[in-house]
Amino acid sequence: MSGPISDPKALGAAIRQRRRTRGWTQAEVAERAAVSRRFVSALETGDRTGAELGRVFAVLRALDVAVELLDRPRSSFDESLREVLG
């Protein structure tokens, strides 16, 4: 996993990539994190947007992943305006 992650789908894809890199099944991650396989599956697909943070961190710890807070680069005025207006 590398680069900033700013939405649930990207987080899920990164978790899936790390799990596959380790050669683990969703069930193995779930057991290590003390969560259900279904939770891991939903997390990987980005469907758990309201997931309890403690459970998310449990999965990340099971995969030996750390979270780092990064400052987002400031956008230009035009980019900011596009973000606001869509």
N, C-alpha and C. Protein backbone atom coordinates (compact mmCIF):
# COMPACT_ATOMS: atom_id res chain seq x y z
N MET A 1 0.85 -1.17 0.00
CA MET A 1 0.00 0.00 0.00
C MET A 1 0.89 1.23 0.00
N SER A 2 0.61 2.08 -0.92
CA SER A 2 1.36 3.32 -0.93
C SER A 2 0.49 4.44 -1.46
N GLY A 3 0.82 5.63 -1.06
CA GLY A 3 0.06 6.79 -1.49
C GLY A 3 -1.10 7.06 -0.56
N PRO A 4 -1.58 8.29 -0.62
CA PRO A 4 -2.70 8.68 0.24
C PRO A 4 -3.99 7.95 -0.11
N ILE A 5 -4.76 7.65 0.90
CA ILE A 5 -6.06 7.01 0.73
C ILE A 5 -7.09 7.96 1.31
N SER A 6 -8.08 8.32 0.49
CA SER A 6 -9.03 9.33 0.96
C SER A 6 -10.49 8.92 0.86
N ASP A 7 -10.76 7.65 0.55
CA ASP A 7 -12.15 7.21 0.52
C ASP A 7 -12.23 5.72 0.84
N PRO A 8 -13.42 5.24 1.23
CA PRO A 8 -13.57 3.84 1.65
C PRO A 8 -13.19 2.82 0.58
N LYS A 9 -13.48 3.09 -0.68
CA LYS A 9 -13.15 2.14 -1.74
C LYS A 9 -11.64 1.98 -1.89
N ALA A 10 -10.92 3.10 -1.81
CA ALA A 10 -9.46 3.04 -1.91
C ALA A 10 -8.86 2.31 -0.71
N LEU A 11 -9.42 2.55 0.48
CA LEU A 11 -8.95 1.84 1.66
C LEU A 11 -9.20 0.35 1.51
N GLY A 12 -10.38 -0.01 1.04
CA GLY A 12 -10.71 -1.42 0.84
C GLY A 12 -9.79 -2.09 -0.16
N ALA A 13 -9.50 -1.40 -1.26
CA ALA A 13 -8.60 -1.95 -2.27
C ALA A 13 -7.20 -2.15 -1.70
N ALA A 14 -6.75 -1.21 -0.89
CA ALA A 14 -5.43 -1.31 -0.28
C ALA A 14 -5.38 -2.48 0.72
N ILE A 15 -6.44 -2.65 1.48
CA ILE A 15 -6.51 -3.76 2.43
C ILE A 15 -6.50 -5.09 1.68
N ARG A 16 -7.29 -5.18 0.61
CA ARG A 16 -7.34 -6.40 -0.20
C ARG A 16 -5.95 -6.71 -0.78
N GLN A 17 -5.28 -5.68 -1.29
CA GLN A 17 -3.95 -5.87 -1.87
C GLN A 17 -2.98 -6.39 -0.81
N ARG A 18 -3.00 -5.81 0.38
CA ARG A 18 -2.09 -6.26 1.44
C ARG A 18 -2.40 -7.71 1.83
N ARG A 19 -3.69 -8.03 1.95
CA ARG A 19 -4.08 -9.40 2.32
C ARG A 19 -3.59 -10.39 1.28
N ARG A 20 -3.80 -10.07 0.02
CA ARG A 20 -3.38 -10.98 -1.06
C ARG A 20 -1.86 -11.10 -1.13
N THR A 21 -1.16 -10.00 -0.88
CA THR A 21 0.30 -10.03 -0.87
C THR A 21 0.80 -11.00 0.19
N ARG A 22 0.11 -11.04 1.32
CA ARG A 22 0.49 -11.96 2.40
C ARG A 22 0.02 -13.39 2.11
N GLY A 23 -0.86 -13.55 1.13
CA GLY A 23 -1.36 -14.88 0.80
C GLY A 23 -2.42 -15.37 1.77
N TRP A 24 -3.09 -14.44 2.43
CA TRP A 24 -4.10 -14.79 3.42
C TRP A 24 -5.50 -14.72 2.81
N THR A 25 -6.39 -15.53 3.36
CA THR A 25 -7.80 -15.45 2.99
C THR A 25 -8.47 -14.38 3.86
N GLN A 26 -9.66 -14.00 3.46
CA GLN A 26 -10.43 -13.07 4.28
C GLN A 26 -10.70 -13.68 5.65
N ALA A 27 -10.94 -14.98 5.68
CA ALA A 27 -11.21 -15.67 6.95
C ALA A 27 -9.99 -15.60 7.87
N GLU A 28 -8.80 -15.73 7.31
CA GLU A 28 -7.59 -15.67 8.13
C GLU A 28 -7.40 -14.27 8.73
N VAL A 29 -7.64 -13.25 7.93
CA VAL A 29 -7.54 -11.88 8.44
C VAL A 29 -8.60 -11.66 9.52
N ALA A 30 -9.80 -12.12 9.26
CA ALA A 30 -10.89 -11.95 10.22
C ALA A 30 -10.55 -12.60 11.55
N GLU A 31 -10.00 -13.80 11.49
CA GLU A 31 -9.64 -14.49 12.73
C GLU A 31 -8.56 -13.72 13.49
N ARG A 32 -7.56 -13.24 12.80
CA ARG A 32 -6.47 -12.50 13.44
C ARG A 32 -6.96 -11.18 14.04
N ALA A 33 -7.98 -10.59 13.39
CA ALA A 33 -8.51 -9.29 13.84
C ALA A 33 -9.69 -9.43 14.79
N ALA A 34 -10.17 -10.64 14.99
CA ALA A 34 -11.35 -10.90 15.83
C ALA A 34 -12.59 -10.17 15.30
N VAL A 35 -12.75 -10.24 13.98
CA VAL A 35 -13.95 -9.71 13.33
C VAL A 35 -14.47 -10.81 12.41
N SER A 36 -15.63 -10.61 11.83
CA SER A 36 -16.18 -11.62 10.93
C SER A 36 -15.56 -11.51 9.53
N ARG A 37 -15.59 -12.63 8.82
CA ARG A 37 -15.12 -12.63 7.43
C ARG A 37 -15.98 -11.69 6.60
N ARG A 38 -17.26 -11.66 6.93
CA ARG A 38 -18.18 -10.77 6.22
C ARG A 38 -17.78 -9.30 6.38
N PHE A 39 -17.31 -8.93 7.59
CA PHE A 39 -16.85 -7.56 7.83
C PHE A 39 -15.63 -7.26 6.95
N VAL A 40 -14.68 -8.20 6.89
CA VAL A 40 -13.48 -8.00 6.07
C VAL A 40 -13.89 -7.85 4.60
N SER A 41 -14.79 -8.69 4.15
CA SER A 41 -15.26 -8.62 2.77
C SER A 41 -15.89 -7.26 2.46
N ALA A 42 -16.78 -6.81 3.33
CA ALA A 42 -17.45 -5.53 3.12
C ALA A 42 -16.45 -4.37 3.20
N LEU A 43 -15.47 -4.48 4.07
CA LEU A 43 -14.44 -3.45 4.18
C LEU A 43 -13.63 -3.37 2.89
N GLU A 44 -13.28 -4.52 2.34
CA GLU A 44 -12.49 -4.56 1.11
C GLU A 44 -13.24 -3.98 -0.09
N THR A 45 -14.54 -4.09 -0.10
CA THR A 45 -15.30 -3.55 -1.23
C THR A 45 -15.72 -2.10 -1.02
N GLY A 46 -15.40 -1.56 0.15
CA GLY A 46 -15.76 -0.17 0.44
C GLY A 46 -17.20 -0.01 0.87
N ASP A 47 -17.86 -1.12 1.20
CA ASP A 47 -19.27 -1.08 1.58
C ASP A 47 -19.49 -0.77 3.05
N ARG A 48 -18.44 -0.70 3.85
CA ARG A 48 -18.58 -0.43 5.29
C ARG A 48 -18.18 1.01 5.58
N THR A 49 -18.85 1.96 4.94
CA THR A 49 -18.49 3.37 5.12
C THR A 49 -18.73 3.84 6.55
N GLY A 50 -19.62 3.19 7.28
CA GLY A 50 -19.88 3.57 8.67
C GLY A 50 -19.28 2.59 9.66
N ALA A 51 -18.25 1.87 9.24
CA ALA A 51 -17.65 0.84 10.10
C ALA A 51 -17.05 1.46 11.35
N GLU A 52 -17.18 0.73 12.45
CA GLU A 52 -16.58 1.15 13.71
C GLU A 52 -15.06 1.23 13.54
N LEU A 53 -14.51 2.35 13.90
CA LEU A 53 -13.08 2.59 13.70
C LEU A 53 -12.22 1.55 14.40
N GLY A 54 -12.62 1.12 15.58
CA GLY A 54 -11.86 0.10 16.31
C GLY A 54 -11.74 -1.19 15.52
N ARG A 55 -12.80 -1.57 14.84
CA ARG A 55 -12.77 -2.80 14.05
C ARG A 55 -11.90 -2.63 12.81
N VAL A 56 -11.95 -1.44 12.21
CA VAL A 56 -11.10 -1.16 11.05
C VAL A 56 -9.63 -1.25 11.47
N PHE A 57 -9.30 -0.62 12.61
CA PHE A 57 -7.92 -0.67 13.10
C PHE A 57 -7.50 -2.09 13.45
N ALA A 58 -8.41 -2.90 13.93
CA ALA A 58 -8.08 -4.30 14.23
C ALA A 58 -7.65 -5.03 12.96
N VAL A 59 -8.35 -4.78 11.86
CA VAL A 59 -7.98 -5.39 10.58
C VAL A 59 -6.62 -4.87 10.13
N LEU A 60 -6.41 -3.56 10.24
CA LEU A 60 -5.13 -2.99 9.83
C LEU A 60 -3.98 -3.55 10.67
N ARG A 61 -4.20 -3.69 11.99
CA ARG A 61 -3.16 -4.27 12.85
C ARG A 61 -2.88 -5.71 12.45
N ALA A 62 -3.91 -6.47 12.15
CA ALA A 62 -3.72 -7.87 11.75
C ALA A 62 -2.86 -7.98 10.50
N LEU A 63 -2.94 -6.97 9.65
CA LEU A 63 -2.16 -6.95 8.41
C LEU A 63 -0.83 -6.22 8.57
N ASP A 64 -0.51 -5.81 9.80
CA ASP A 64 0.73 -5.05 10.08
C ASP A 64 0.81 -3.77 9.26
N VAL A 65 -0.31 -3.04 9.24
CA VAL A 65 -0.38 -1.78 8.50
C VAL A 65 -0.51 -0.64 9.50
N ALA A 66 0.23 0.42 9.25
CA ALA A 66 0.14 1.62 10.10
C ALA A 66 -0.62 2.71 9.36
N VAL A 67 -1.24 3.57 10.11
CA VAL A 67 -1.95 4.71 9.54
C VAL A 67 -1.13 5.96 9.83
N GLU A 68 -0.96 6.77 8.80
CA GLU A 68 -0.22 8.01 8.95
C GLU A 68 -1.09 9.14 8.42
N LEU A 69 -1.20 10.20 9.19
CA LEU A 69 -1.96 11.36 8.74
C LEU A 69 -1.05 12.27 7.92
N LEU A 70 -1.54 12.64 6.76
CA LEU A 70 -0.78 13.49 5.85
C LEU A 70 -1.56 14.77 5.56
N ASP A 71 -0.85 15.86 5.44
CA ASP A 71 -1.48 17.09 4.99
C ASP A 71 -1.75 16.97 3.51
N ARG A 72 -2.97 17.33 3.12
CA ARG A 72 -3.29 17.33 1.70
C ARG A 72 -2.70 18.59 1.08
N PRO A 73 -2.13 18.46 -0.11
CA PRO A 73 -1.62 19.67 -0.76
C PRO A 73 -2.76 20.63 -1.04
N ARG A 74 -2.48 21.88 -0.87
CA ARG A 74 -3.52 22.87 -1.14
C ARG A 74 -3.80 22.93 -2.63
N SER A 75 -5.06 23.00 -2.96
CA SER A 75 -5.47 23.11 -4.35
C SER A 75 -5.38 24.55 -4.81
N SER A 76 -5.30 24.70 -6.11
CA SER A 76 -5.37 26.05 -6.67
C SER A 76 -6.80 26.54 -6.50
N PHE A 77 -7.00 27.81 -6.68
CA PHE A 77 -8.35 28.37 -6.56
C PHE A 77 -9.30 27.68 -7.52
N ASP A 78 -8.87 27.48 -8.77
CA ASP A 78 -9.74 26.85 -9.77
C ASP A 78 -10.09 25.41 -9.38
N GLU A 79 -9.12 24.66 -8.86
CA GLU A 79 -9.39 23.29 -8.43
C GLU A 79 -10.35 23.27 -7.25
N SER A 80 -10.16 24.17 -6.32
CA SER A 80 -11.05 24.27 -5.16
C SER A 80 -12.47 24.59 -5.60
N LEU A 81 -12.60 25.51 -6.53
CA LEU A 81 -13.91 25.90 -7.04
C LEU A 81 -14.59 24.72 -7.72
N ARG A 82 -13.85 23.93 -8.51
CA ARG A 82 -14.41 22.74 -9.16
C ARG A 82 -14.88 21.73 -8.13
N GLU A 83 -14.12 21.57 -7.02
CA GLU A 83 -14.51 20.65 -5.96
C GLU A 83 -15.83 21.07 -5.32
N VAL A 84 -15.97 22.36 -5.10
CA VAL A 84 -17.16 22.88 -4.45
C VAL A 84 -18.36 22.81 -5.38
N LEU A 85 -18.16 23.18 -6.62
CA LEU A 85 -19.28 23.27 -7.58
C LEU A 85 -19.56 21.94 -8.28
N GLY A 86 -18.61 21.04 -8.25
CA GLY A 86 -18.82 19.73 -8.89
C GLY A 86 -18.46 19.74 -10.27
